[in-house]
Amino acid sequence: MINAVMLDTGTLGIFAHPRADREIVEWVENLVMSGVSVIIPEIADYELRRNLMLEGLTRSLARLDQLKSFLAYAPLTTEIMLKAAELWAEARRRGQPTADPKELDGDVILAAQALQAGAVVATDNVGHLSLFVEAKSWREIT
């Protein structure tokens, strides 16, 4: 049984849309009603928020802020960033990098947050994330 689901940026973006698709709204509601903790990780909030700000999508920004009031929010900590650095180095040593070496790798930061929370990641980027944590399309998580 799944106890916690962490939303990646893409899934969070779909849910944060002011006119979010009814299917994803019902999915989140069903998880919450069944006792599953649905978590917004700070790294996904950051990645989504910066794009919404760039595009001037104020209604989506307001919705994102609203979601943080009733879903769990996982802030970044030093412990998480240390784990992310470890995951990043391990992936490179295995020849499986998930981002350019000069970029901040949001996937490993998200993976570190999910590991700490014991959460499955709801994502459309199963390939990269599944190197580190259990990751599935949100439609496959019940």
N, C-alpha and C. Protein backbone atom coordinates (compact mmCIF):
# COMPACT_ATOMS: atom_id res chain seq x y z
N MET A 1 0.84 -1.19 0.00
CA MET A 1 0.00 0.00 0.00
C MET A 1 0.88 1.25 0.00
N ILE A 2 0.47 2.22 -0.74
CA ILE A 2 1.19 3.49 -0.84
C ILE A 2 0.74 4.41 0.30
N ASN A 3 1.72 4.96 1.01
CA ASN A 3 1.41 5.89 2.10
C ASN A 3 1.57 7.34 1.69
N ALA A 4 2.45 7.59 0.71
CA ALA A 4 2.74 8.97 0.31
C ALA A 4 3.03 9.03 -1.19
N VAL A 5 2.53 10.09 -1.81
CA VAL A 5 2.77 10.36 -3.23
C VAL A 5 3.33 11.77 -3.33
N MET A 6 4.46 11.90 -4.02
CA MET A 6 5.08 13.20 -4.22
C MET A 6 4.86 13.61 -5.68
N LEU A 7 4.37 14.81 -5.89
CA LEU A 7 4.07 15.31 -7.23
C LEU A 7 5.32 15.91 -7.87
N ASP A 8 5.64 15.49 -9.10
CA ASP A 8 6.74 16.15 -9.78
C ASP A 8 6.20 17.40 -10.46
N THR A 9 7.07 18.14 -11.10
CA THR A 9 6.68 19.44 -11.66
C THR A 9 5.57 19.32 -12.69
N GLY A 10 5.66 18.34 -13.58
CA GLY A 10 4.63 18.19 -14.61
C GLY A 10 3.27 17.87 -14.03
N THR A 11 3.23 16.94 -13.11
CA THR A 11 1.97 16.55 -12.48
C THR A 11 1.41 17.70 -11.64
N LEU A 12 2.29 18.38 -10.91
CA LEU A 12 1.86 19.54 -10.13
C LEU A 12 1.30 20.62 -11.05
N GLY A 13 1.93 20.82 -12.19
CA GLY A 13 1.46 21.83 -13.15
C GLY A 13 0.07 21.54 -13.67
N ILE A 14 -0.20 20.27 -13.94
CA ILE A 14 -1.55 19.88 -14.41
C ILE A 14 -2.57 20.16 -13.31
N PHE A 15 -2.22 19.82 -12.07
CA PHE A 15 -3.14 19.99 -10.95
C PHE A 15 -3.30 21.46 -10.56
N ALA A 16 -2.26 22.26 -10.78
CA ALA A 16 -2.31 23.68 -10.39
C ALA A 16 -3.03 24.56 -11.41
N HIS A 17 -3.35 24.02 -12.55
CA HIS A 17 -4.07 24.81 -13.55
C HIS A 17 -5.40 25.25 -12.97
N PRO A 18 -5.78 26.52 -13.17
CA PRO A 18 -7.04 27.01 -12.59
C PRO A 18 -8.27 26.19 -13.00
N ARG A 19 -8.23 25.61 -14.18
CA ARG A 19 -9.31 24.73 -14.62
C ARG A 19 -8.73 23.31 -14.77
N ALA A 20 -8.21 22.81 -13.67
CA ALA A 20 -7.56 21.49 -13.68
C ALA A 20 -8.52 20.43 -14.18
N ASP A 21 -7.99 19.51 -14.94
CA ASP A 21 -8.74 18.39 -15.46
C ASP A 21 -9.41 17.64 -14.30
N ARG A 22 -10.68 17.35 -14.46
CA ARG A 22 -11.45 16.69 -13.39
C ARG A 22 -10.83 15.36 -12.98
N GLU A 23 -10.22 14.66 -13.93
CA GLU A 23 -9.62 13.36 -13.63
C GLU A 23 -8.49 13.48 -12.59
N ILE A 24 -7.64 14.48 -12.74
CA ILE A 24 -6.53 14.62 -11.79
C ILE A 24 -7.03 15.15 -10.44
N VAL A 25 -8.05 16.00 -10.46
CA VAL A 25 -8.62 16.49 -9.21
C VAL A 25 -9.22 15.32 -8.42
N GLU A 26 -9.97 14.48 -9.10
CA GLU A 26 -10.57 13.32 -8.43
C GLU A 26 -9.49 12.35 -7.94
N TRP A 27 -8.42 12.20 -8.72
CA TRP A 27 -7.32 11.33 -8.32
C TRP A 27 -6.72 11.80 -6.99
N VAL A 28 -6.41 13.10 -6.90
CA VAL A 28 -5.84 13.64 -5.67
C VAL A 28 -6.84 13.51 -4.52
N GLU A 29 -8.09 13.86 -4.76
CA GLU A 29 -9.11 13.75 -3.71
C GLU A 29 -9.23 12.32 -3.19
N ASN A 30 -9.23 11.35 -4.11
CA ASN A 30 -9.34 9.94 -3.70
C ASN A 30 -8.14 9.50 -2.87
N LEU A 31 -6.94 9.94 -3.26
CA LEU A 31 -5.75 9.60 -2.49
C LEU A 31 -5.86 10.16 -1.07
N VAL A 32 -6.20 11.43 -0.98
CA VAL A 32 -6.29 12.09 0.32
C VAL A 32 -7.36 11.42 1.19
N MET A 33 -8.52 11.13 0.59
CA MET A 33 -9.61 10.49 1.35
C MET A 33 -9.23 9.09 1.81
N SER A 34 -8.33 8.42 1.10
CA SER A 34 -7.92 7.08 1.50
C SER A 34 -6.72 7.09 2.45
N GLY A 35 -6.33 8.29 2.89
CA GLY A 35 -5.26 8.40 3.88
C GLY A 35 -3.86 8.53 3.32
N VAL A 36 -3.74 8.68 2.01
CA VAL A 36 -2.42 8.85 1.39
C VAL A 36 -2.01 10.31 1.50
N SER A 37 -0.80 10.54 1.90
CA SER A 37 -0.27 11.91 1.97
C SER A 37 0.18 12.32 0.57
N VAL A 38 -0.41 13.38 0.03
CA VAL A 38 -0.02 13.91 -1.27
C VAL A 38 0.88 15.11 -1.00
N ILE A 39 2.10 15.05 -1.52
CA ILE A 39 3.13 16.01 -1.13
C ILE A 39 3.59 16.87 -2.31
N ILE A 40 3.66 18.17 -2.06
CA ILE A 40 4.27 19.10 -3.01
C ILE A 40 5.71 19.31 -2.56
N PRO A 41 6.69 18.86 -3.35
CA PRO A 41 8.08 19.08 -2.97
C PRO A 41 8.52 20.48 -3.36
N GLU A 42 9.34 21.09 -2.55
CA GLU A 42 9.77 22.46 -2.82
C GLU A 42 10.45 22.60 -4.17
N ILE A 43 11.20 21.59 -4.61
CA ILE A 43 11.88 21.69 -5.90
C ILE A 43 10.86 21.77 -7.05
N ALA A 44 9.77 21.03 -6.96
CA ALA A 44 8.74 21.09 -8.00
C ALA A 44 8.01 22.43 -7.95
N ASP A 45 7.74 22.92 -6.74
CA ASP A 45 7.12 24.24 -6.58
C ASP A 45 7.99 25.29 -7.26
N TYR A 46 9.30 25.24 -7.01
CA TYR A 46 10.23 26.19 -7.60
C TYR A 46 10.23 26.11 -9.13
N GLU A 47 10.35 24.89 -9.66
CA GLU A 47 10.42 24.73 -11.12
C GLU A 47 9.14 25.21 -11.79
N LEU A 48 7.99 24.89 -11.20
CA LEU A 48 6.71 25.33 -11.76
C LEU A 48 6.52 26.83 -11.57
N ARG A 49 6.76 27.31 -10.37
CA ARG A 49 6.53 28.72 -10.04
C ARG A 49 7.32 29.66 -10.95
N ARG A 50 8.59 29.35 -11.21
CA ARG A 50 9.41 30.25 -12.04
C ARG A 50 8.84 30.36 -13.45
N ASN A 51 8.31 29.25 -13.98
CA ASN A 51 7.72 29.30 -15.32
C ASN A 51 6.39 30.04 -15.32
N LEU A 52 5.59 29.84 -14.29
CA LEU A 52 4.32 30.57 -14.19
C LEU A 52 4.57 32.07 -14.08
N MET A 53 5.59 32.44 -13.31
CA MET A 53 5.94 33.86 -13.17
C MET A 53 6.43 34.44 -14.50
N LEU A 54 7.27 33.68 -15.19
CA LEU A 54 7.79 34.13 -16.48
C LEU A 54 6.66 34.38 -17.47
N GLU A 55 5.67 33.50 -17.47
CA GLU A 55 4.54 33.62 -18.40
C GLU A 55 3.45 34.56 -17.89
N GLY A 56 3.57 35.04 -16.65
CA GLY A 56 2.56 35.94 -16.10
C GLY A 56 1.24 35.25 -15.80
N LEU A 57 1.28 33.99 -15.45
CA LEU A 57 0.05 33.21 -15.21
C LEU A 57 -0.36 33.33 -13.74
N THR A 58 -0.94 34.47 -13.41
CA THR A 58 -1.25 34.79 -12.02
C THR A 58 -2.32 33.87 -11.41
N ARG A 59 -3.27 33.44 -12.21
CA ARG A 59 -4.30 32.54 -11.67
C ARG A 59 -3.71 31.17 -11.31
N SER A 60 -2.78 30.70 -12.13
CA SER A 60 -2.11 29.44 -11.82
C SER A 60 -1.23 29.59 -10.58
N LEU A 61 -0.58 30.75 -10.45
CA LEU A 61 0.23 31.01 -9.25
C LEU A 61 -0.64 31.01 -8.00
N ALA A 62 -1.80 31.64 -8.09
CA ALA A 62 -2.72 31.67 -6.95
C ALA A 62 -3.19 30.26 -6.60
N ARG A 63 -3.48 29.47 -7.62
CA ARG A 63 -3.92 28.08 -7.40
C ARG A 63 -2.79 27.28 -6.75
N LEU A 64 -1.54 27.48 -7.21
CA LEU A 64 -0.40 26.79 -6.61
C LEU A 64 -0.28 27.13 -5.13
N ASP A 65 -0.42 28.40 -4.81
CA ASP A 65 -0.38 28.82 -3.40
C ASP A 65 -1.52 28.18 -2.60
N GLN A 66 -2.68 28.12 -3.21
CA GLN A 66 -3.85 27.52 -2.55
C GLN A 66 -3.61 26.03 -2.27
N LEU A 67 -3.01 25.33 -3.22
CA LEU A 67 -2.76 23.90 -3.04
C LEU A 67 -1.85 23.63 -1.85
N LYS A 68 -0.92 24.54 -1.62
CA LYS A 68 0.02 24.37 -0.51
C LYS A 68 -0.67 24.48 0.85
N SER A 69 -1.89 25.01 0.87
CA SER A 69 -2.60 25.14 2.14
C SER A 69 -3.34 23.85 2.52
N PHE A 70 -3.58 22.94 1.56
CA PHE A 70 -4.27 21.72 1.95
C PHE A 70 -3.56 20.42 1.57
N LEU A 71 -2.43 20.51 0.88
CA LEU A 71 -1.60 19.34 0.64
C LEU A 71 -0.33 19.49 1.47
N ALA A 72 0.34 18.39 1.72
CA ALA A 72 1.61 18.46 2.46
C ALA A 72 2.65 19.17 1.60
N TYR A 73 3.56 19.89 2.25
CA TYR A 73 4.62 20.62 1.55
C TYR A 73 5.96 20.16 2.13
N ALA A 74 6.87 19.74 1.26
CA ALA A 74 8.18 19.26 1.71
C ALA A 74 9.25 20.27 1.35
N PRO A 75 9.73 21.02 2.34
CA PRO A 75 10.78 22.01 2.07
C PRO A 75 12.14 21.33 1.85
N LEU A 76 13.01 22.04 1.16
CA LEU A 76 14.38 21.56 0.99
C LEU A 76 15.16 21.76 2.28
N THR A 77 16.01 20.82 2.58
CA THR A 77 16.86 20.90 3.77
C THR A 77 18.29 20.56 3.36
N THR A 78 19.22 20.83 4.23
CA THR A 78 20.61 20.46 3.98
C THR A 78 20.73 18.95 3.79
N GLU A 79 20.03 18.19 4.61
CA GLU A 79 20.07 16.72 4.49
C GLU A 79 19.62 16.26 3.10
N ILE A 80 18.57 16.86 2.58
CA ILE A 80 18.08 16.50 1.25
C ILE A 80 19.10 16.87 0.19
N MET A 81 19.68 18.04 0.29
CA MET A 81 20.66 18.46 -0.71
C MET A 81 21.91 17.58 -0.67
N LEU A 82 22.32 17.13 0.51
CA LEU A 82 23.45 16.21 0.60
C LEU A 82 23.13 14.88 -0.07
N LYS A 83 21.91 14.38 0.14
CA LYS A 83 21.49 13.14 -0.50
C LYS A 83 21.41 13.32 -2.01
N ALA A 84 20.91 14.47 -2.46
CA ALA A 84 20.83 14.75 -3.89
C ALA A 84 22.22 14.74 -4.52
N ALA A 85 23.19 15.32 -3.85
CA ALA A 85 24.57 15.33 -4.37
C ALA A 85 25.10 13.90 -4.48
N GLU A 86 24.78 13.08 -3.49
CA GLU A 86 25.19 11.68 -3.51
C GLU A 86 24.55 10.94 -4.69
N LEU A 87 23.25 11.14 -4.90
CA LEU A 87 22.56 10.50 -6.02
C LEU A 87 23.13 10.96 -7.35
N TRP A 88 23.41 12.25 -7.48
CA TRP A 88 23.96 12.82 -8.70
C TRP A 88 25.30 12.16 -9.02
N ALA A 89 26.18 12.07 -8.02
CA ALA A 89 27.51 11.47 -8.23
C ALA A 89 27.40 9.98 -8.57
N GLU A 90 26.52 9.27 -7.88
CA GLU A 90 26.33 7.84 -8.16
C GLU A 90 25.85 7.62 -9.60
N ALA A 91 24.90 8.43 -10.04
CA ALA A 91 24.38 8.29 -11.41
C ALA A 91 25.48 8.54 -12.43
N ARG A 92 26.30 9.52 -12.20
CA ARG A 92 27.41 9.82 -13.12
C ARG A 92 28.45 8.70 -13.13
N ARG A 93 28.75 8.16 -11.97
CA ARG A 93 29.71 7.05 -11.91
C ARG A 93 29.19 5.83 -12.66
N ARG A 94 27.88 5.63 -12.64
CA ARG A 94 27.26 4.51 -13.36
C ARG A 94 27.08 4.81 -14.84
N GLY A 95 27.40 6.03 -15.25
CA GLY A 95 27.20 6.42 -16.65
C GLY A 95 25.76 6.71 -16.99
N GLN A 96 24.96 7.12 -16.00
CA GLN A 96 23.54 7.40 -16.19
C GLN A 96 23.18 8.81 -15.73
N PRO A 97 23.84 9.83 -16.27
CA PRO A 97 23.51 11.20 -15.84
C PRO A 97 22.08 11.56 -16.23
N THR A 98 21.46 12.40 -15.42
CA THR A 98 20.09 12.82 -15.69
C THR A 98 20.00 14.27 -16.14
N ALA A 99 21.15 14.96 -16.16
CA ALA A 99 21.18 16.36 -16.61
C ALA A 99 22.62 16.71 -16.98
N ASP A 100 22.77 17.83 -17.67
CA ASP A 100 24.10 18.34 -18.01
C ASP A 100 24.88 18.57 -16.72
N PRO A 101 26.20 18.29 -16.72
CA PRO A 101 26.97 18.43 -15.48
C PRO A 101 26.98 19.84 -14.88
N LYS A 102 26.70 20.85 -15.69
CA LYS A 102 26.72 22.23 -15.20
C LYS A 102 25.36 22.70 -14.70
N GLU A 103 24.33 21.88 -14.89
CA GLU A 103 22.98 22.27 -14.49
C GLU A 103 22.66 21.78 -13.08
N LEU A 104 21.80 22.52 -12.42
CA LEU A 104 21.22 22.04 -11.17
C LEU A 104 20.24 20.94 -11.57
N ASP A 105 20.41 19.75 -11.06
CA ASP A 105 19.62 18.60 -11.48
C ASP A 105 18.39 18.44 -10.59
N GLY A 106 17.27 18.97 -11.05
CA GLY A 106 16.03 18.89 -10.28
C GLY A 106 15.56 17.48 -10.02
N ASP A 107 15.86 16.56 -10.94
CA ASP A 107 15.42 15.17 -10.75
C ASP A 107 16.06 14.53 -9.53
N VAL A 108 17.36 14.74 -9.34
CA VAL A 108 18.00 14.11 -8.17
C VAL A 108 17.55 14.79 -6.87
N ILE A 109 17.25 16.07 -6.94
CA ILE A 109 16.74 16.76 -5.75
C ILE A 109 15.35 16.22 -5.40
N LEU A 110 14.51 16.07 -6.41
CA LEU A 110 13.18 15.49 -6.20
C LEU A 110 13.30 14.06 -5.67
N ALA A 111 14.20 13.28 -6.24
CA ALA A 111 14.39 11.91 -5.78
C ALA A 111 14.82 11.88 -4.31
N ALA A 112 15.71 12.78 -3.94
CA ALA A 112 16.15 12.85 -2.54
C ALA A 112 14.99 13.21 -1.62
N GLN A 113 14.13 14.13 -2.07
CA GLN A 113 12.96 14.49 -1.27
C GLN A 113 12.01 13.30 -1.13
N ALA A 114 11.81 12.56 -2.23
CA ALA A 114 10.92 11.40 -2.19
C ALA A 114 11.47 10.30 -1.30
N LEU A 115 12.78 10.07 -1.36
CA LEU A 115 13.39 9.07 -0.50
C LEU A 115 13.19 9.41 0.97
N GLN A 116 13.39 10.68 1.31
CA GLN A 116 13.23 11.09 2.70
C GLN A 116 11.78 10.90 3.17
N ALA A 117 10.83 11.18 2.28
CA ALA A 117 9.41 11.08 2.64
C ALA A 117 8.87 9.66 2.50
N GLY A 118 9.62 8.77 1.89
CA GLY A 118 9.12 7.42 1.63
C GLY A 118 7.98 7.44 0.64
N ALA A 119 8.07 8.32 -0.36
CA ALA A 119 6.97 8.55 -1.29
C ALA A 119 7.25 7.98 -2.68
N VAL A 120 6.18 7.59 -3.34
CA VAL A 120 6.21 7.28 -4.77
C VAL A 120 6.11 8.61 -5.49
N VAL A 121 6.86 8.79 -6.57
CA VAL A 121 6.79 10.03 -7.34
C VAL A 121 5.79 9.88 -8.48
N ALA A 122 4.83 10.80 -8.55
CA ALA A 122 3.87 10.86 -9.65
C ALA A 122 4.48 11.74 -10.72
N THR A 123 4.80 11.15 -11.88
CA THR A 123 5.59 11.85 -12.89
C THR A 123 5.28 11.37 -14.30
N ASP A 124 5.70 12.16 -15.26
CA ASP A 124 5.72 11.72 -16.66
C ASP A 124 7.16 11.43 -17.06
N ASN A 125 8.09 11.55 -16.12
CA ASN A 125 9.52 11.34 -16.35
C ASN A 125 9.97 10.10 -15.59
N VAL A 126 9.30 9.00 -15.82
CA VAL A 126 9.57 7.77 -15.08
C VAL A 126 11.00 7.30 -15.29
N GLY A 127 11.52 7.42 -16.50
CA GLY A 127 12.85 6.92 -16.83
C GLY A 127 13.95 7.42 -15.92
N HIS A 128 14.11 8.74 -15.83
CA HIS A 128 15.18 9.30 -14.99
C HIS A 128 14.92 9.05 -13.51
N LEU A 129 13.72 9.32 -13.07
CA LEU A 129 13.43 9.23 -11.64
C LEU A 129 13.49 7.80 -11.11
N SER A 130 13.11 6.83 -11.95
CA SER A 130 13.11 5.44 -11.48
C SER A 130 14.52 4.90 -11.27
N LEU A 131 15.54 5.65 -11.68
CA LEU A 131 16.92 5.27 -11.35
C LEU A 131 17.16 5.37 -9.84
N PHE A 132 16.36 6.19 -9.17
CA PHE A 132 16.60 6.51 -7.76
C PHE A 132 15.46 6.12 -6.82
N VAL A 133 14.23 6.24 -7.30
CA VAL A 133 13.05 6.03 -6.45
C VAL A 133 11.95 5.34 -7.25
N GLU A 134 10.90 4.91 -6.55
CA GLU A 134 9.74 4.39 -7.26
C GLU A 134 9.01 5.56 -7.90
N ALA A 135 8.84 5.49 -9.21
CA ALA A 135 8.20 6.57 -9.96
C ALA A 135 7.21 5.97 -10.95
N LYS A 136 6.03 6.58 -11.00
CA LYS A 136 4.96 6.09 -11.89
C LYS A 136 4.19 7.27 -12.45
N SER A 137 3.52 7.03 -13.55
CA SER A 137 2.57 8.02 -14.06
C SER A 137 1.48 8.17 -13.01
N TRP A 138 0.98 9.40 -12.84
CA TRP A 138 -0.06 9.60 -11.81
C TRP A 138 -1.28 8.73 -12.08
N ARG A 139 -1.54 8.43 -13.35
CA ARG A 139 -2.71 7.60 -13.68
C ARG A 139 -2.55 6.15 -13.21
N GLU A 140 -1.32 5.74 -12.95
CA GLU A 140 -1.05 4.36 -12.52
C GLU A 140 -1.02 4.21 -11.00
N ILE A 141 -1.12 5.31 -10.28
CA ILE A 141 -1.04 5.27 -8.82
C ILE A 141 -2.46 5.30 -8.24
N THR A 142 -2.78 4.29 -7.44
CA THR A 142 -4.11 4.24 -6.83
C THR A 142 -4.00 4.02 -5.33
